[in-house]
Amino acid sequence: MSAATMTDLAMPLHALRLLAWEFPGLPAMGVQMSTITPNELELASHGDFGAFEMWREALGILPESVTYWEQASGRTRVLLATVDFDGVRVRLIGFSAIPEQCGEVAS
Protein backbone atom coordinates (compact mmCIF):
# COMPACT_ATOMS: atom_id res chain seq x y z
CA MET A 1 0.00 0.00 0.00
CA SER A 2 1.46 3.35 -1.00
CA ALA A 3 1.40 6.42 1.18
CA ALA A 4 -1.30 8.98 0.50
CA THR A 5 -0.30 12.17 -1.27
CA MET A 6 -1.85 15.59 -1.62
CA THR A 7 -3.29 14.37 -4.92
CA ASP A 8 -5.63 12.21 -2.85
CA LEU A 9 -7.10 15.40 -1.36
CA ALA A 10 -7.36 17.29 -4.65
CA MET A 11 -11.15 16.97 -4.91
CA PRO A 12 -12.06 18.29 -1.43
CA LEU A 13 -9.39 21.00 -1.71
CA HIS A 14 -10.89 22.08 -5.04
CA ALA A 15 -14.40 22.08 -3.53
CA LEU A 16 -13.16 24.20 -0.62
CA ARG A 17 -11.64 26.69 -3.05
CA LEU A 18 -14.91 26.87 -4.99
CA LEU A 19 -16.90 27.39 -1.77
CA ALA A 20 -14.60 30.24 -0.74
CA TRP A 21 -14.96 31.78 -4.21
CA GLU A 22 -18.75 31.40 -4.47
CA PHE A 23 -19.60 32.37 -0.88
CA PRO A 24 -16.93 34.87 0.25
CA GLY A 25 -19.29 36.69 2.63
CA LEU A 26 -20.35 33.63 4.62
CA PRO A 27 -18.84 32.96 8.05
CA ALA A 28 -15.56 31.06 8.19
CA MET A 29 -15.97 27.45 9.26
CA GLY A 30 -13.70 24.84 10.75
CA VAL A 31 -12.47 22.69 7.88
CA GLN A 32 -11.53 19.03 8.02
CA MET A 33 -10.57 16.54 5.35
CA SER A 34 -8.79 13.22 5.55
CA THR A 35 -7.09 10.67 3.35
CA ILE A 36 -9.33 8.10 5.05
CA THR A 37 -12.38 9.66 3.35
CA PRO A 38 -10.70 11.56 0.50
CA ASN A 39 -13.91 12.57 -1.23
CA GLU A 40 -15.37 14.29 1.82
CA LEU A 41 -15.08 17.81 3.20
CA GLU A 42 -16.37 18.79 6.63
CA LEU A 43 -17.39 22.34 7.50
CA ALA A 44 -18.05 22.86 11.22
CA SER A 45 -19.34 25.78 13.25
CA HIS A 46 -19.13 26.11 17.02
CA GLY A 47 -21.08 28.44 19.27
CA ASP A 48 -24.51 28.96 17.80
CA PHE A 49 -26.34 27.72 14.75
CA GLY A 50 -26.26 31.03 12.85
CA ALA A 51 -23.27 30.11 10.66
CA PHE A 52 -24.64 26.59 10.12
CA GLU A 53 -27.96 28.02 8.90
CA MET A 54 -26.30 30.50 6.55
CA TRP A 55 -24.25 27.73 4.96
CA ARG A 56 -27.23 25.36 4.85
CA GLU A 57 -29.24 27.90 2.90
CA ALA A 58 -26.34 28.76 0.57
CA LEU A 59 -25.76 25.09 -0.23
CA GLY A 60 -29.47 24.52 -0.90
CA ILE A 61 -29.92 21.96 1.88
CA LEU A 62 -33.56 21.61 2.89
CA PRO A 63 -34.33 22.09 6.60
CA GLU A 64 -35.98 18.66 6.76
CA SER A 65 -32.69 17.09 5.63
CA VAL A 66 -30.92 18.24 8.80
CA THR A 67 -30.33 15.71 11.58
CA TYR A 68 -30.41 16.86 15.21
CA TRP A 69 -29.12 15.23 18.36
CA GLU A 70 -27.67 16.10 21.74
CA GLN A 71 -24.37 14.98 23.19
CA ALA A 72 -22.17 15.57 26.23
CA SER A 73 -24.91 14.50 28.63
CA GLY A 74 -27.37 16.90 27.05
CA ARG A 75 -25.09 19.96 27.18
CA THR A 76 -24.44 20.28 23.43
CA ARG A 77 -26.84 20.42 20.50
CA VAL A 78 -25.63 19.15 17.13
CA LEU A 79 -26.97 19.71 13.62
CA LEU A 80 -25.70 17.68 10.66
CA ALA A 81 -26.49 17.83 6.97
CA THR A 82 -24.73 16.56 3.87
CA VAL A 83 -24.78 17.67 0.27
CA ASP A 84 -22.90 16.85 -2.91
CA PHE A 85 -20.90 19.87 -4.05
CA ASP A 86 -18.79 19.60 -7.20
CA GLY A 87 -18.53 15.84 -6.77
CA VAL A 88 -17.48 16.04 -3.10
CA ARG A 89 -19.61 15.07 -0.12
CA VAL A 90 -19.80 18.14 2.11
CA ARG A 91 -20.69 17.43 5.74
CA LEU A 92 -22.07 20.56 7.35
CA ILE A 93 -22.06 20.30 11.12
CA GLY A 94 -22.96 22.77 13.84
CA PHE A 95 -22.43 22.63 17.57
CA SER A 96 -24.17 24.82 20.15
CA ALA A 97 -24.32 24.72 23.92
CA ILE A 98 -27.73 24.13 25.45
CA PRO A 99 -28.50 27.06 27.76
CA GLU A 100 -28.97 26.15 31.40
CA GLN A 101 -32.61 25.83 32.34
CA CYS A 102 -34.05 28.68 34.40
CA GLY A 103 -34.03 27.85 38.07
CA GLU A 104 -31.48 25.04 37.79
CA VAL A 105 -28.18 25.44 39.51
CA ALA A 106 -25.06 24.09 37.84
CA SER A 107 -23.10 21.73 40.02
PDB file of N, CA and C in Angstrom:
ATOM      1  N   MET A   1       0.840  -1.177   0.000  1.00  0.00           N
ATOM      2  CA  MET A   1       0.000   0.000   0.000  1.00  0.00           C
ATOM      3  C   MET A   1       0.885   1.240   0.000  1.00  0.00           C
ATOM      4  N   SER A   2       0.647   2.147  -0.927  1.00  0.00           N
ATOM      5  CA  SER A   2       1.462   3.350  -1.002  1.00  0.00           C
ATOM      6  C   SER A   2       0.911   4.437  -0.083  1.00  0.00           C
ATOM      7  N   ALA A   3       1.797   5.318   0.305  1.00  0.00           N
ATOM      8  CA  ALA A   3       1.400   6.420   1.178  1.00  0.00           C
ATOM      9  C   ALA A   3       0.517   7.395   0.410  1.00  0.00           C
ATOM     10  N   ALA A   4      -0.428   7.982   1.111  1.00  0.00           N
ATOM     11  CA  ALA A   4      -1.303   8.976   0.504  1.00  0.00           C
ATOM     12  C   ALA A   4      -0.494  10.229   0.164  1.00  0.00           C
ATOM     13  N   THR A   5      -0.934  10.919  -0.873  1.00  0.00           N
ATOM     14  CA  THR A   5      -0.296  12.170  -1.266  1.00  0.00           C
ATOM     15  C   THR A   5      -1.349  13.270  -1.310  1.00  0.00           C
ATOM     16  N   MET A   6      -0.914  14.475  -1.523  1.00  0.00           N
ATOM     17  CA  MET A   6      -1.848  15.590  -1.623  1.00  0.00           C
ATOM     18  C   MET A   6      -2.804  15.421  -2.802  1.00  0.00           C
ATOM     19  N   THR A   7      -2.401  14.652  -3.793  1.00  0.00           N
ATOM     20  CA  THR A   7      -3.291  14.372  -4.923  1.00  0.00           C
ATOM     21  C   THR A   7      -4.572  13.695  -4.443  1.00  0.00           C
ATOM     22  N   ASP A   8      -4.456  12.890  -3.391  1.00  0.00           N
ATOM     23  CA  ASP A   8      -5.633  12.212  -2.849  1.00  0.00           C
ATOM     24  C   ASP A   8      -6.645  13.189  -2.264  1.00  0.00           C
ATOM     25  N   LEU A   9      -6.198  14.386  -1.925  1.00  0.00           N
ATOM     26  CA  LEU A   9      -7.095  15.399  -1.360  1.00  0.00           C
ATOM     27  C   LEU A   9      -7.466  16.483  -2.373  1.00  0.00           C
ATOM     28  N   ALA A  10      -7.112  16.270  -3.623  1.00  0.00           N
ATOM     29  CA  ALA A  10      -7.356  17.292  -4.646  1.00  0.00           C
ATOM     30  C   ALA A  10      -8.832  17.662  -4.770  1.00  0.00           C
ATOM     31  N   MET A  11      -9.714  16.681  -4.738  1.00  0.00           N
ATOM     32  CA  MET A  11     -11.152  16.968  -4.907  1.00  0.00           C
ATOM     33  C   MET A  11     -11.710  17.814  -3.762  1.00  0.00           C
ATOM     34  N   PRO A  12     -11.522  17.432  -2.483  1.00  0.00           N
ATOM     35  CA  PRO A  12     -12.064  18.289  -1.426  1.00  0.00           C
ATOM     36  C   PRO A  12     -11.368  19.646  -1.361  1.00  0.00           C
ATOM     37  N   LEU A  13     -10.084  19.712  -1.690  1.00  0.00           N
ATOM     38  CA  LEU A  13      -9.395  21.001  -1.712  1.00  0.00           C
ATOM     39  C   LEU A  13      -9.974  21.901  -2.804  1.00  0.00           C
ATOM     40  N   HIS A  14     -10.269  21.325  -3.952  1.00  0.00           N
ATOM     41  CA  HIS A  14     -10.889  22.079  -5.040  1.00  0.00           C
ATOM     42  C   HIS A  14     -12.282  22.565  -4.625  1.00  0.00           C
ATOM     43  N   ALA A  15     -13.056  21.697  -3.988  1.00  0.00           N
ATOM     44  CA  ALA A  15     -14.395  22.081  -3.528  1.00  0.00           C
ATOM     45  C   ALA A  15     -14.304  23.216  -2.516  1.00  0.00           C
ATOM     46  N   LEU A  16     -13.334  23.144  -1.609  1.00  0.00           N
ATOM     47  CA  LEU A  16     -13.157  24.205  -0.621  1.00  0.00           C
ATOM     48  C   LEU A  16     -12.831  25.531  -1.302  1.00  0.00           C
ATOM     49  N   ARG A  17     -11.979  25.468  -2.304  1.00  0.00           N
ATOM     50  CA  ARG A  17     -11.636  26.685  -3.052  1.00  0.00           C
ATOM     51  C   ARG A  17     -12.875  27.262  -3.732  1.00  0.00           C
ATOM     52  N   LEU A  18     -13.682  26.402  -4.342  1.00  0.00           N
ATOM     53  CA  LEU A  18     -14.913  26.870  -4.986  1.00  0.00           C
ATOM     54  C   LEU A  18     -15.885  27.479  -3.978  1.00  0.00           C
ATOM     55  N   LEU A  19     -16.018  26.849  -2.810  1.00  0.00           N
ATOM     56  CA  LEU A  19     -16.901  27.389  -1.774  1.00  0.00           C
ATOM     57  C   LEU A  19     -16.441  28.779  -1.332  1.00  0.00           C
ATOM     58  N   ALA A  20     -15.137  28.936  -1.144  1.00  0.00           N
ATOM     59  CA  ALA A  20     -14.601  30.237  -0.743  1.00  0.00           C
ATOM     60  C   ALA A  20     -14.838  31.285  -1.830  1.00  0.00           C
ATOM     61  N   TRP A  21     -14.753  30.868  -3.086  1.00  0.00           N
ATOM     62  CA  TRP A  21     -14.963  31.776  -4.210  1.00  0.00           C
ATOM     63  C   TRP A  21     -16.437  32.146  -4.361  1.00  0.00           C
ATOM     64  N   GLU A  22     -17.316  31.162  -4.248  1.00  0.00           N
ATOM     65  CA  GLU A  22     -18.748  31.403  -4.468  1.00  0.00           C
ATOM     66  C   GLU A  22     -19.446  32.068  -3.288  1.00  0.00           C
ATOM     67  N   PHE A  23     -18.934  31.855  -2.075  1.00  0.00           N
ATOM     68  CA  PHE A  23     -19.599  32.372  -0.880  1.00  0.00           C
ATOM     69  C   PHE A  23     -18.619  33.144   0.008  1.00  0.00           C
ATOM     70  N   PRO A  24     -17.961  34.179  -0.522  1.00  0.00           N
ATOM     71  CA  PRO A  24     -16.928  34.871   0.255  1.00  0.00           C
ATOM     72  C   PRO A  24     -17.460  35.591   1.489  1.00  0.00           C
ATOM     73  N   GLY A  25     -18.735  35.942   1.503  1.00  0.00           N
ATOM     74  CA  GLY A  25     -19.295  36.685   2.626  1.00  0.00           C
ATOM     75  C   GLY A  25     -19.831  35.822   3.751  1.00  0.00           C
ATOM     76  N   LEU A  26     -19.828  34.506   3.569  1.00  0.00           N
ATOM     77  CA  LEU A  26     -20.345  33.633   4.624  1.00  0.00           C
ATOM     78  C   LEU A  26     -19.316  33.463   5.732  1.00  0.00           C
ATOM     79  N   PRO A  27     -19.771  33.117   6.932  1.00  0.00           N
ATOM     80  CA  PRO A  27     -18.840  32.956   8.053  1.00  0.00           C
ATOM     81  C   PRO A  27     -17.806  31.862   7.779  1.00  0.00           C
ATOM     82  N   ALA A  28     -16.602  32.087   8.278  1.00  0.00           N
ATOM     83  CA  ALA A  28     -15.558  31.063   8.187  1.00  0.00           C
ATOM     84  C   ALA A  28     -15.971  29.873   9.035  1.00  0.00           C
ATOM     85  N   MET A  29     -15.620  28.691   8.571  1.00  0.00           N
ATOM     86  CA  MET A  29     -15.972  27.454   9.263  1.00  0.00           C
ATOM     87  C   MET A  29     -14.703  26.673   9.556  1.00  0.00           C
ATOM     88  N   GLY A  30     -14.775  25.794  10.545  1.00  0.00           N
ATOM     89  CA  GLY A  30     -13.699  24.845  10.745  1.00  0.00           C
ATOM     90  C   GLY A  30     -13.717  23.881   9.575  1.00  0.00           C
ATOM     91  N   VAL A  31     -12.558  23.547   9.059  1.00  0.00           N
ATOM     92  CA  VAL A  31     -12.466  22.688   7.876  1.00  0.00           C
ATOM     93  C   VAL A  31     -11.692  21.431   8.230  1.00  0.00           C
ATOM     94  N   GLN A  32     -12.235  20.294   7.799  1.00  0.00           N
ATOM     95  CA  GLN A  32     -11.533  19.035   8.017  1.00  0.00           C
ATOM     96  C   GLN A  32     -11.666  18.172   6.774  1.00  0.00           C
ATOM     97  N   MET A  33     -10.570  17.539   6.409  1.00  0.00           N
ATOM     98  CA  MET A  33     -10.568  16.540   5.354  1.00  0.00           C
ATOM     99  C   MET A  33      -9.524  15.505   5.726  1.00  0.00           C
ATOM    100  N   SER A  34      -9.656  14.316   5.155  1.00  0.00           N
ATOM    101  CA  SER A  34      -8.785  13.220   5.551  1.00  0.00           C
ATOM    102  C   SER A  34      -8.536  12.289   4.383  1.00  0.00           C
ATOM    103  N   THR A  35      -7.372  11.678   4.373  1.00  0.00           N
ATOM    104  CA  THR A  35      -7.087  10.674   3.350  1.00  0.00           C
ATOM    105  C   THR A  35      -7.897   9.404   3.588  1.00  0.00           C
ATOM    106  N   ILE A  36      -8.476   9.262   4.761  1.00  0.00           N
ATOM    107  CA  ILE A  36      -9.329   8.103   5.052  1.00  0.00           C
ATOM    108  C   ILE A  36     -10.627   8.200   4.258  1.00  0.00           C
ATOM    109  N   THR A  37     -11.183   9.402   4.171  1.00  0.00           N
ATOM    110  CA  THR A  37     -12.376   9.664   3.352  1.00  0.00           C
ATOM    111  C   THR A  37     -12.034  10.804   2.390  1.00  0.00           C
ATOM    112  N   PRO A  38     -11.251  10.511   1.349  1.00  0.00           N
ATOM    113  CA  PRO A  38     -10.696  11.564   0.502  1.00  0.00           C
ATOM    114  C   PRO A  38     -11.701  12.333  -0.341  1.00  0.00           C
ATOM    115  N   ASN A  39     -12.912  11.876  -0.438  1.00  0.00           N
ATOM    116  CA  ASN A  39     -13.912  12.574  -1.234  1.00  0.00           C
ATOM    117  C   ASN A  39     -14.927  13.292  -0.347  1.00  0.00           C
ATOM    118  N   GLU A  40     -14.478  13.655   0.855  1.00  0.00           N
ATOM    119  CA  GLU A  40     -15.375  14.294   1.816  1.00  0.00           C
ATOM    120  C   GLU A  40     -14.712  15.535   2.402  1.00  0.00           C
ATOM    121  N   LEU A  41     -15.513  16.563   2.613  1.00  0.00           N
ATOM    122  CA  LEU A  41     -15.078  17.814   3.201  1.00  0.00           C
ATOM    123  C   LEU A  41     -16.042  18.148   4.327  1.00  0.00           C
ATOM    124  N   GLU A  42     -15.503  18.430   5.496  1.00  0.00           N
ATOM    125  CA  GLU A  42     -16.368  18.786   6.627  1.00  0.00           C
ATOM    126  C   GLU A  42     -16.209  20.259   6.937  1.00  0.00           C
ATOM    127  N   LEU A  43     -17.344  20.945   7.080  1.00  0.00           N
ATOM    128  CA  LEU A  43     -17.388  22.337   7.502  1.00  0.00           C
ATOM    129  C   LEU A  43     -18.111  22.373   8.836  1.00  0.00           C
ATOM    130  N   ALA A  44     -17.461  22.888   9.868  1.00  0.00           N
ATOM    131  CA  ALA A  44     -18.045  22.863  11.215  1.00  0.00           C
ATOM    132  C   ALA A  44     -18.092  24.257  11.818  1.00  0.00           C
ATOM    133  N   SER A  45     -19.204  24.533  12.499  1.00  0.00           N
ATOM    134  CA  SER A  45     -19.341  25.781  13.251  1.00  0.00           C
ATOM    135  C   SER A  45     -19.559  25.441  14.719  1.00  0.00           C
ATOM    136  N   HIS A  46     -19.034  26.293  15.571  1.00  0.00           N
ATOM    137  CA  HIS A  46     -19.134  26.108  17.016  1.00  0.00           C
ATOM    138  C   HIS A  46     -19.671  27.390  17.634  1.00  0.00           C
ATOM    139  N   GLY A  47     -20.566  27.262  18.572  1.00  0.00           N
ATOM    140  CA  GLY A  47     -21.081  28.435  19.271  1.00  0.00           C
ATOM    141  C   GLY A  47     -22.584  28.543  19.172  1.00  0.00           C
ATOM    142  N   ASP A  48     -23.068  28.940  18.011  1.00  0.00           N
ATOM    143  CA  ASP A  48     -24.512  28.959  17.798  1.00  0.00           C
ATOM    144  C   ASP A  48     -24.765  28.424  16.392  1.00  0.00           C
ATOM    145  N   PHE A  49     -26.010  28.325  16.029  1.00  0.00           N
ATOM    146  CA  PHE A  49     -26.338  27.724  14.746  1.00  0.00           C
ATOM    147  C   PHE A  49     -26.464  28.744  13.615  1.00  0.00           C
ATOM    148  N   GLY A  50     -26.141  30.000  13.871  1.00  0.00           N
ATOM    149  CA  GLY A  50     -26.263  31.030  12.851  1.00  0.00           C
ATOM    150  C   GLY A  50     -25.429  30.731  11.608  1.00  0.00           C
ATOM    151  N   ALA A  51     -24.153  30.405  11.800  1.00  0.00           N
ATOM    152  CA  ALA A  51     -23.272  30.107  10.664  1.00  0.00           C
ATOM    153  C   ALA A  51     -23.736  28.845   9.950  1.00  0.00           C
ATOM    154  N   PHE A  52     -24.132  27.834  10.718  1.00  0.00           N
ATOM    155  CA  PHE A  52     -24.641  26.594  10.118  1.00  0.00           C
ATOM    156  C   PHE A  52     -25.815  26.910   9.202  1.00  0.00           C
ATOM    157  N   GLU A  53     -26.763  27.710   9.688  1.00  0.00           N
ATOM    158  CA  GLU A  53     -27.965  28.018   8.898  1.00  0.00           C
ATOM    159  C   GLU A  53     -27.635  28.807   7.643  1.00  0.00           C
ATOM    160  N   MET A  54     -26.686  29.731   7.734  1.00  0.00           N
ATOM    161  CA  MET A  54     -26.304  30.504   6.551  1.00  0.00           C
ATOM    162  C   MET A  54     -25.710  29.587   5.487  1.00  0.00           C
ATOM    163  N   TRP A  55     -24.849  28.670   5.909  1.00  0.00           N
ATOM    164  CA  TRP A  55     -24.254  27.727   4.960  1.00  0.00           C
ATOM    165  C   TRP A  55     -25.284  26.730   4.432  1.00  0.00           C
ATOM    166  N   ARG A  56     -26.198  26.287   5.292  1.00  0.00           N
ATOM    167  CA  ARG A  56     -27.233  25.356   4.849  1.00  0.00           C
ATOM    168  C   ARG A  56     -28.049  25.978   3.725  1.00  0.00           C
ATOM    169  N   GLU A  57     -28.457  27.219   3.926  1.00  0.00           N
ATOM    170  CA  GLU A  57     -29.244  27.901   2.901  1.00  0.00           C
ATOM    171  C   GLU A  57     -28.438  28.102   1.626  1.00  0.00           C
ATOM    172  N   ALA A  58     -27.185  28.522   1.749  1.00  0.00           N
ATOM    173  CA  ALA A  58     -26.339  28.764   0.573  1.00  0.00           C
ATOM    174  C   ALA A  58     -26.119  27.493  -0.235  1.00  0.00           C
ATOM    175  N   LEU A  59     -26.000  26.367   0.454  1.00  0.00           N
ATOM    176  CA  LEU A  59     -25.763  25.091  -0.226  1.00  0.00           C
ATOM    177  C   LEU A  59     -27.050  24.423  -0.704  1.00  0.00           C
ATOM    178  N   GLY A  60     -28.185  25.049  -0.423  1.00  0.00           N
ATOM    179  CA  GLY A  60     -29.465  24.517  -0.900  1.00  0.00           C
ATOM    180  C   GLY A  60     -29.923  23.271  -0.167  1.00  0.00           C
ATOM    181  N   ILE A  61     -29.512  23.122   1.083  1.00  0.00           N
ATOM    182  CA  ILE A  61     -29.922  21.962   1.880  1.00  0.00           C
ATOM    183  C   ILE A  61     -31.267  22.268   2.524  1.00  0.00           C
ATOM    184  N   LEU A  62     -32.226  21.410   2.323  1.00  0.00           N
ATOM    185  CA  LEU A  62     -33.562  21.613   2.892  1.00  0.00           C
ATOM    186  C   LEU A  62     -33.533  21.422   4.406  1.00  0.00           C
ATOM    187  N   PRO A  63     -34.301  22.218   5.139  1.00  0.00           N
ATOM    188  CA  PRO A  63     -34.327  22.091   6.603  1.00  0.00           C
ATOM    189  C   PRO A  63     -34.684  20.676   7.073  1.00  0.00           C
ATOM    190  N   GLU A  64     -35.586  20.007   6.343  1.00  0.00           N
ATOM    191  CA  GLU A  64     -35.983  18.660   6.759  1.00  0.00           C
ATOM    192  C   GLU A  64     -34.891  17.616   6.520  1.00  0.00           C
ATOM    193  N   SER A  65     -33.819  18.005   5.847  1.00  0.00           N
ATOM    194  CA  SER A  65     -32.687  17.094   5.630  1.00  0.00           C
ATOM    195  C   SER A  65     -31.666  17.153   6.758  1.00  0.00           C
ATOM    196  N   VAL A  66     -31.867  18.049   7.705  1.00  0.00           N
ATOM    197  CA  VAL A  66     -30.918  18.239   8.805  1.00  0.00           C
ATOM    198  C   VAL A  66     -31.234  17.262   9.933  1.00  0.00           C
ATOM    199  N   THR A  67     -30.197  16.629  10.443  1.00  0.00           N
ATOM    200  CA  THR A  67     -30.325  15.711  11.579  1.00  0.00           C
ATOM    201  C   THR A  67     -29.921  16.456  12.848  1.00  0.00           C
ATOM    202  N   TYR A  68     -30.667  16.219  13.919  1.00  0.00           N
ATOM    203  CA  TYR A  68     -30.409  16.862  15.210  1.00  0.00           C
ATOM    204  C   TYR A  68     -30.203  15.809  16.278  1.00  0.00           C
ATOM    205  N   TRP A  69     -29.257  16.048  17.165  1.00  0.00           N
ATOM    206  CA  TRP A  69     -29.117  15.225  18.362  1.00  0.00           C
ATOM    207  C   TRP A  69     -28.396  16.033  19.432  1.00  0.00           C
ATOM    208  N   GLU A  70     -28.376  15.474  20.617  1.00  0.00           N
ATOM    209  CA  GLU A  70     -27.675  16.097  21.739  1.00  0.00           C
ATOM    210  C   GLU A  70     -26.573  15.167  22.205  1.00  0.00           C
ATOM    211  N   GLN A  71     -25.496  15.767  22.682  1.00  0.00           N
ATOM    212  CA  GLN A  71     -24.373  14.979  23.191  1.00  0.00           C
ATOM    213  C   GLN A  71     -23.826  15.647  24.446  1.00  0.00           C
ATOM    214  N   ALA A  72     -22.793  15.058  25.007  1.00  0.00           N
ATOM    215  CA  ALA A  72     -22.165  15.570  26.232  1.00  0.00           C
ATOM    216  C   ALA A  72     -23.190  15.668  27.354  1.00  0.00           C
ATOM    217  N   SER A  73     -23.895  14.579  27.568  1.00  0.00           N
ATOM    218  CA  SER A  73     -24.909  14.504  28.628  1.00  0.00           C
ATOM    219  C   SER A  73     -25.948  15.609  28.517  1.00  0.00           C
ATOM    220  N   GLY A  74     -26.327  15.915  27.278  1.00  0.00           N
ATOM    221  CA  GLY A  74     -27.373  16.903  27.053  1.00  0.00           C
ATOM    222  C   GLY A  74     -26.906  18.343  27.146  1.00  0.00           C
ATOM    223  N   ARG A  75     -25.604  18.585  27.087  1.00  0.00           N
ATOM    224  CA  ARG A  75     -25.095  19.960  27.180  1.00  0.00           C
ATOM    225  C   ARG A  75     -24.807  20.587  25.812  1.00  0.00           C
ATOM    226  N   THR A  76     -24.780  19.767  24.763  1.00  0.00           N
ATOM    227  CA  THR A  76     -24.443  20.276  23.433  1.00  0.00           C
ATOM    228  C   THR A  76     -25.461  19.803  22.404  1.00  0.00           C
ATOM    229  N   ARG A  77     -25.959  20.748  21.614  1.00  0.00           N
ATOM    230  CA  ARG A  77     -26.845  20.423  20.497  1.00  0.00           C
ATOM    231  C   ARG A  77     -25.985  20.294  19.244  1.00  0.00           C
ATOM    232  N   VAL A  78     -26.381  19.378  18.355  1.00  0.00           N
ATOM    233  CA  VAL A  78     -25.630  19.146  17.129  1.00  0.00           C
ATOM    234  C   VAL A  78     -26.591  19.083  15.949  1.00  0.00           C
ATOM    235  N   LEU A  79     -26.240  19.792  14.878  1.00  0.00           N
ATOM    236  CA  LEU A  79     -26.967  19.711  13.617  1.00  0.00           C
ATOM    237  C   LEU A  79     -26.014  19.157  12.568  1.00  0.00           C
ATOM    238  N   LEU A  80     -26.516  18.281  11.709  1.00  0.00           N
ATOM    239  CA  LEU A  80     -25.700  17.683  10.657  1.00  0.00           C
ATOM    240  C   LEU A  80     -26.508  17.590   9.379  1.00  0.00           C
ATOM    241  N   ALA A  81     -25.873  17.974   8.282  1.00  0.00           N
ATOM    242  CA  ALA A  81     -26.488  17.834   6.967  1.00  0.00           C
ATOM    243  C   ALA A  81     -25.376  17.547   5.964  1.00  0.00           C
ATOM    244  N   THR A  82     -25.711  16.840   4.907  1.00  0.00           N
ATOM    245  CA  THR A  82     -24.731  16.558   3.865  1.00  0.00           C
ATOM    246  C   THR A  82     -25.300  16.953   2.510  1.00  0.00           C
ATOM    247  N   VAL A  83     -24.390  17.284   1.617  1.00  0.00           N
ATOM    248  CA  VAL A  83     -24.778  17.666   0.267  1.00  0.00           C
ATOM    249  C   VAL A  83     -23.612  17.358  -0.667  1.00  0.00           C
ATOM    250  N   ASP A  84     -23.932  17.036  -1.897  1.00  0.00           N
ATOM    251  CA  ASP A  84     -22.900  16.853  -2.907  1.00  0.00           C
ATOM    252  C   ASP A  84     -22.595  18.224  -3.497  1.00  0.00           C
ATOM    253  N   PHE A  85     -21.323  18.596  -3.487  1.00  0.00           N
ATOM    254  CA  PHE A  85     -20.897  19.865  -4.052  1.00  0.00           C
ATOM    255  C   PHE A  85     -19.694  19.607  -4.949  1.00  0.00           C
ATOM    256  N   ASP A  86     -19.863  19.800  -6.227  1.00  0.00           N
ATOM    257  CA  ASP A  86     -18.792  19.604  -7.200  1.00  0.00           C
ATOM    258  C   ASP A  86     -18.163  18.215  -7.080  1.00  0.00           C
ATOM    259  N   GLY A  87     -19.006  17.209  -6.840  1.00  0.00           N
ATOM    260  CA  GLY A  87     -18.528  15.837  -6.769  1.00  0.00           C
ATOM    261  C   GLY A  87     -17.929  15.432  -5.428  1.00  0.00           C
ATOM    262  N   VAL A  88     -18.022  16.315  -4.441  1.00  0.00           N
ATOM    263  CA  VAL A  88     -17.479  16.044  -3.104  1.00  0.00           C
ATOM    264  C   VAL A  88     -18.631  16.040  -2.108  1.00  0.00           C
ATOM    265  N   ARG A  89     -18.605  15.102  -1.184  1.00  0.00           N
ATOM    266  CA  ARG A  89     -19.612  15.068  -0.122  1.00  0.00           C
ATOM    267  C   ARG A  89     -19.217  16.094   0.933  1.00  0.00           C
ATOM    268  N   VAL A  90     -20.041  17.112   1.092  1.00  0.00           N
ATOM    269  CA  VAL A  90     -19.797  18.140   2.107  1.00  0.00           C
ATOM    270  C   VAL A  90     -20.658  17.814   3.320  1.00  0.00           C
ATOM    271  N   ARG A  91     -19.992  17.645   4.465  1.00  0.00           N
ATOM    272  CA  ARG A  91     -20.686  17.427   5.737  1.00  0.00           C
ATOM    273  C   ARG A  91     -20.708  18.769   6.457  1.00  0.00           C
ATOM    274  N   LEU A  92     -21.878  19.306   6.632  1.00  0.00           N
ATOM    275  CA  LEU A  92     -22.065  20.561   7.349  1.00  0.00           C
ATOM    276  C   LEU A  92     -22.506  20.208   8.755  1.00  0.00           C
ATOM    277  N   ILE A  93     -21.740  20.666   9.738  1.00  0.00           N
ATOM    278  CA  ILE A  93     -22.061  20.301  11.116  1.00  0.00           C
ATOM    279  C   ILE A  93     -21.979  21.543  12.001  1.00  0.00           C
ATOM    280  N   GLY A  94     -22.928  21.645  12.908  1.00  0.00           N
ATOM    281  CA  GLY A  94     -22.961  22.773  13.837  1.00  0.00           C
ATOM    282  C   GLY A  94     -23.105  22.290  15.261  1.00  0.00           C
ATOM    283  N   PHE A  95     -22.385  22.950  16.150  1.00  0.00           N
ATOM    284  CA  PHE A  95     -22.433  22.631  17.571  1.00  0.00           C
ATOM    285  C   PHE A  95     -22.864  23.874  18.340  1.00  0.00           C
ATOM    286  N   SER A  96     -23.720  23.698  19.330  1.00  0.00           N
ATOM    287  CA  SER A  96     -24.174  24.816  20.151  1.00  0.00           C
ATOM    288  C   SER A  96     -24.465  24.309  21.557  1.00  0.00           C
ATOM    289  N   ALA A  97     -24.041  25.083  22.535  1.00  0.00           N
ATOM    290  CA  ALA A  97     -24.318  24.716  23.923  1.00  0.00           C
ATOM    291  C   ALA A  97     -25.807  24.880  24.191  1.00  0.00           C
ATOM    292  N   ILE A  98     -26.341  24.011  25.025  1.00  0.00           N
ATOM    293  CA  ILE A  98     -27.731  24.129  25.453  1.00  0.00           C
ATOM    294  C   ILE A  98     -27.739  25.033  26.680  1.00  0.00           C
ATOM    295  N   PRO A  99     -28.471  26.146  26.605  1.00  0.00           N
ATOM    296  CA  PRO A  99     -28.500  27.058  27.760  1.00  0.00           C
ATOM    297  C   PRO A  99     -29.029  26.343  28.998  1.00  0.00           C
ATOM    298  N   GLU A 100     -28.484  26.734  30.145  1.00  0.00           N
ATOM    299  CA  GLU A 100     -28.971  26.148  31.402  1.00  0.00           C
ATOM    300  C   GLU A 100     -30.430  26.527  31.587  1.00  0.00           C
ATOM    301  N   GLN A 101     -31.186  25.587  32.115  1.00  0.00           N
ATOM    302  CA  GLN A 101     -32.611  25.826  32.345  1.00  0.00           C
ATOM    303  C   GLN A 101     -32.787  26.830  33.481  1.00  0.00           C
ATOM    304  N   CYS A 102     -33.761  27.690  33.354  1.00  0.00           N
ATOM    305  CA  CYS A 102     -34.055  28.677  34.403  1.00  0.00           C
ATOM    306  C   CYS A 102     -34.355  27.952  35.713  1.00  0.00           C
ATOM    307  N   GLY A 103     -33.772  28.411  36.753  1.00  0.00           N
ATOM    308  CA  GLY A 103     -34.034  27.847  38.069  1.00  0.00           C
ATOM    309  C   GLY A 103     -33.122  26.689  38.430  1.00  0.00           C
ATOM    310  N   GLU A 104     -32.398  26.145  37.470  1.00  0.00           N
ATOM    311  CA  GLU A 104     -31.478  25.042  37.786  1.00  0.00           C
ATOM    312  C   GLU A 104     -30.131  25.623  38.153  1.00  0.00           C
ATOM    313  N   VAL A 105     -29.486  25.004  39.070  1.00  0.00           N
ATOM    314  CA  VAL A 105     -28.178  25.440  39.513  1.00  0.00           C
ATOM    315  C   VAL A 105     -27.150  24.453  38.997  1.00  0.00           C
ATOM    316  N   ALA A 106     -26.114  24.965  38.338  1.00  0.00           N
ATOM    317  CA  ALA A 106     -25.059  24.092  37.840  1.00  0.00           C
ATOM    318  C   ALA A 106     -24.240  23.563  39.012  1.00  0.00           C
ATOM    319  N   SER A 107     -23.888  22.293  38.922  1.00  0.00           N
ATOM    320  CA  SER A 107     -23.096  21.728  40.019  1.00  0.00           C
ATOM    321  C   SER A 107     -21.631  21.788  39.709  1.00  0.00           C
TER     322      SER A 107
END
